[in-house]
N, C-alpha and C. Protein backbone atom coordinates (compact mmCIF):
# COMPACT_ATOMS: atom_id res chain seq x y z
N UNK A 1 -92.46 72.05 4.59
CA UNK A 1 -93.54 72.93 4.70
C UNK A 1 -93.44 73.94 3.57
N UNK A 2 -94.58 74.13 3.10
CA UNK A 2 -94.70 75.41 2.15
C UNK A 2 -95.38 76.44 2.84
N UNK A 3 -94.68 77.57 2.71
CA UNK A 3 -95.21 78.82 3.47
C UNK A 3 -95.57 79.98 2.46
N UNK A 4 -96.36 80.74 3.03
CA UNK A 4 -96.88 82.04 2.24
C UNK A 4 -96.26 82.99 3.05
N UNK A 5 -95.44 84.07 2.35
CA UNK A 5 -94.76 85.24 2.76
C UNK A 5 -95.80 86.15 3.17
N UNK A 6 -95.78 86.54 4.56
CA UNK A 6 -96.93 87.45 5.24
C UNK A 6 -96.01 88.71 5.53
N UNK A 7 -94.93 88.87 6.06
CA UNK A 7 -94.37 90.01 6.60
C UNK A 7 -92.81 89.94 6.88
N UNK A 8 -91.93 90.94 6.68
CA UNK A 8 -90.75 90.90 7.40
C UNK A 8 -90.57 92.04 8.25
N UNK A 9 -89.77 91.68 9.46
CA UNK A 9 -89.89 92.77 10.61
C UNK A 9 -88.37 92.80 10.86
N UNK A 10 -87.87 94.14 10.96
CA UNK A 10 -86.49 94.25 11.30
C UNK A 10 -86.37 95.40 12.56
N UNK A 11 -85.95 95.12 13.70
CA UNK A 11 -85.82 95.93 14.73
C UNK A 11 -84.65 95.87 15.38
N UNK A 12 -84.33 96.51 16.69
CA UNK A 12 -83.17 96.20 17.37
C UNK A 12 -83.12 94.81 18.08
N UNK A 13 -83.99 94.09 17.88
CA UNK A 13 -83.76 92.72 18.50
C UNK A 13 -83.52 91.75 17.55
N UNK A 14 -83.46 92.14 16.15
CA UNK A 14 -83.11 91.37 15.07
C UNK A 14 -84.11 91.24 13.98
N UNK A 15 -84.12 90.27 12.89
CA UNK A 15 -84.92 90.48 11.87
C UNK A 15 -85.79 89.13 12.21
N UNK A 16 -87.10 89.20 11.59
CA UNK A 16 -87.95 88.03 11.60
C UNK A 16 -88.75 88.10 10.29
N UNK A 17 -89.08 86.72 9.76
CA UNK A 17 -89.97 86.47 8.61
C UNK A 17 -91.18 85.90 9.12
N UNK A 18 -92.22 86.62 9.07
CA UNK A 18 -93.59 85.88 9.25
C UNK A 18 -94.27 85.24 8.08
N UNK A 19 -94.83 84.09 8.26
CA UNK A 19 -95.36 83.26 7.09
C UNK A 19 -96.41 82.67 7.75
N UNK A 20 -97.21 81.92 6.69
CA UNK A 20 -98.48 80.99 6.97
C UNK A 20 -98.18 79.74 6.34
N UNK A 21 -98.25 78.72 7.05
CA UNK A 21 -97.97 77.34 6.61
C UNK A 21 -99.25 77.04 5.65
N UNK A 22 -99.03 76.67 4.30
CA UNK A 22 -100.19 76.39 3.42
C UNK A 22 -100.13 75.00 3.07
N UNK A 23 -99.13 74.44 3.20
CA UNK A 23 -99.04 72.93 2.74
C UNK A 23 -97.63 72.31 3.60
N UNK A 24 -98.36 70.97 4.01
CA UNK A 24 -97.21 70.08 4.73
C UNK A 24 -97.04 68.84 4.08
N UNK A 25 -95.85 68.47 3.74
CA UNK A 25 -95.88 66.90 3.18
C UNK A 25 -94.50 66.35 3.94
N UNK A 26 -94.70 65.04 4.05
CA UNK A 26 -93.66 64.30 4.61
C UNK A 26 -93.49 63.04 3.95
N UNK A 27 -92.19 62.40 3.99
CA UNK A 27 -92.08 61.02 3.44
C UNK A 27 -92.73 59.94 4.23
N UNK A 28 -93.17 58.99 3.78
CA UNK A 28 -94.00 57.85 4.40
C UNK A 28 -93.07 57.20 5.50
N UNK A 29 -91.46 57.19 5.43
CA UNK A 29 -90.79 56.84 6.43
C UNK A 29 -91.05 57.64 7.81
N UNK A 30 -91.31 58.65 7.77
CA UNK A 30 -91.33 59.40 9.09
C UNK A 30 -93.02 59.49 9.65
N UNK A 31 -93.71 58.74 8.95
CA UNK A 31 -95.19 58.96 9.27
C UNK A 31 -95.54 57.69 10.50
N UNK A 32 -96.22 57.98 11.34
CA UNK A 32 -96.77 57.18 12.34
C UNK A 32 -98.35 57.17 12.44
N UNK A 33 -98.98 56.45 11.45
CA UNK A 33 -100.21 56.58 11.14
C UNK A 33 -100.48 57.78 10.23
N UNK A 34 -101.31 58.58 10.73
CA UNK A 34 -101.66 59.89 9.94
C UNK A 34 -100.58 61.14 10.55
N UNK A 35 -99.92 60.95 11.53
CA UNK A 35 -99.14 61.92 12.07
C UNK A 35 -97.63 61.79 11.82
N UNK A 36 -96.97 62.91 11.67
CA UNK A 36 -95.49 62.88 11.53
C UNK A 36 -94.82 62.37 12.86
N UNK A 37 -93.94 61.70 12.80
CA UNK A 37 -93.20 61.32 14.12
C UNK A 37 -91.91 61.97 14.12
N UNK A 38 -91.93 62.97 14.85
CA UNK A 38 -90.73 64.03 14.77
C UNK A 38 -89.42 63.37 15.23
N UNK A 39 -89.34 62.30 15.82
CA UNK A 39 -88.08 61.74 16.17
C UNK A 39 -87.49 61.09 14.84
N UNK A 40 -88.40 60.47 13.93
CA UNK A 40 -87.72 60.01 12.81
C UNK A 40 -87.45 60.96 11.72
N UNK A 41 -87.89 62.40 11.71
CA UNK A 41 -87.69 63.38 10.77
C UNK A 41 -86.11 63.63 10.70
N UNK A 42 -85.48 63.47 11.58
CA UNK A 42 -84.02 63.95 11.76
C UNK A 42 -83.93 65.52 11.33
N UNK A 43 -84.70 66.24 12.02
CA UNK A 43 -84.65 67.52 11.80
C UNK A 43 -83.69 68.31 12.34
N UNK A 44 -83.13 69.64 12.03
CA UNK A 44 -82.12 70.45 12.53
C UNK A 44 -82.76 71.73 12.82
N UNK A 45 -82.18 72.46 13.72
CA UNK A 45 -82.55 73.97 14.12
C UNK A 45 -81.48 74.85 14.04
N UNK A 46 -81.63 75.91 13.54
CA UNK A 46 -80.58 76.96 13.45
C UNK A 46 -80.45 78.02 14.67
N UNK A 47 -79.47 78.07 15.29
CA UNK A 47 -79.11 79.04 16.43
C UNK A 47 -78.46 80.27 15.82
N UNK A 48 -79.11 81.38 15.66
CA UNK A 48 -78.69 82.57 15.24
C UNK A 48 -77.37 83.29 16.21
N UNK A 49 -77.61 82.87 17.33
CA UNK A 49 -76.57 83.35 18.08
C UNK A 49 -75.34 82.70 17.99
N UNK A 50 -75.27 81.52 17.79
CA UNK A 50 -73.89 80.63 17.70
C UNK A 50 -73.61 80.44 16.41
N UNK A 51 -74.61 80.75 15.51
CA UNK A 51 -74.40 80.51 14.16
C UNK A 51 -74.33 78.95 13.83
N UNK A 52 -74.93 78.23 14.59
CA UNK A 52 -74.85 76.62 14.37
C UNK A 52 -76.04 75.97 14.16
N UNK A 53 -76.12 74.79 13.60
CA UNK A 53 -77.14 73.90 13.37
C UNK A 53 -77.12 72.76 14.45
N UNK A 54 -78.24 72.40 15.03
CA UNK A 54 -78.30 71.46 16.13
C UNK A 54 -79.25 70.38 15.78
N UNK A 55 -79.09 69.30 16.06
CA UNK A 55 -80.23 68.16 15.83
C UNK A 55 -81.26 68.27 16.84
N UNK A 56 -82.42 68.15 16.19
CA UNK A 56 -83.66 67.99 17.04
C UNK A 56 -83.86 66.51 17.27
N UNK A 57 -83.75 65.88 18.39
CA UNK A 57 -83.87 64.48 18.46
C UNK A 57 -84.58 63.83 19.59
N UNK A 58 -84.92 64.73 20.46
CA UNK A 58 -85.63 64.22 21.57
C UNK A 58 -86.75 64.99 22.31
N UNK A 59 -87.95 64.60 22.57
CA UNK A 59 -88.95 65.47 23.22
C UNK A 59 -88.44 65.59 24.77
N UNK A 60 -88.64 66.74 25.17
CA UNK A 60 -88.11 67.22 26.41
C UNK A 60 -89.27 67.84 27.22
N UNK A 61 -90.37 67.97 26.88
CA UNK A 61 -91.52 68.67 27.57
C UNK A 61 -92.85 68.43 26.95
N UNK A 62 -93.69 69.04 27.73
CA UNK A 62 -95.29 68.93 27.19
C UNK A 62 -95.83 70.27 27.09
N UNK A 63 -96.14 70.49 25.94
CA UNK A 63 -96.61 72.00 25.66
C UNK A 63 -98.02 72.13 26.28
N UNK A 64 -98.10 73.50 26.92
CA UNK A 64 -99.48 73.87 27.71
C UNK A 64 -99.43 73.23 28.89
N UNK A 65 -98.53 72.42 29.22
CA UNK A 65 -98.86 71.44 30.69
C UNK A 65 -97.50 71.78 31.52
N UNK A 66 -96.28 71.80 30.84
CA UNK A 66 -95.09 71.88 31.93
C UNK A 66 -94.98 73.36 32.40
N UNK A 67 -95.39 74.32 31.49
CA UNK A 67 -95.29 75.84 32.02
C UNK A 67 -96.25 76.12 33.20
N UNK A 68 -97.29 75.37 33.43
CA UNK A 68 -98.23 75.58 34.43
C UNK A 68 -97.60 75.44 35.76
N UNK A 69 -96.54 74.42 35.98
CA UNK A 69 -95.83 74.49 37.25
C UNK A 69 -95.01 75.72 37.66
N UNK A 70 -94.78 76.45 36.67
CA UNK A 70 -94.01 77.69 37.11
C UNK A 70 -95.01 78.87 37.49
N UNK A 71 -96.20 78.84 37.30
CA UNK A 71 -97.22 79.69 37.75
C UNK A 71 -97.44 79.35 39.45
N UNK A 72 -97.08 78.26 39.88
CA UNK A 72 -97.52 77.96 41.16
C UNK A 72 -96.45 78.57 42.25
């Protein structure tokens, strides 16, 4: 992802960098038709609390649907 810097925020909860995605590119090996297959990307995520990197390998929920169960 290519991002444009928008703003840097620093407060009692930590620091944040706000950006705008301006371009996305992906290797053909991780594509499923015209969509990126996240399970093929071999992505990692950084946890600032444990200072660790973790593999992102499995879908665990459905955005905008699973949370609705909590409202009931």
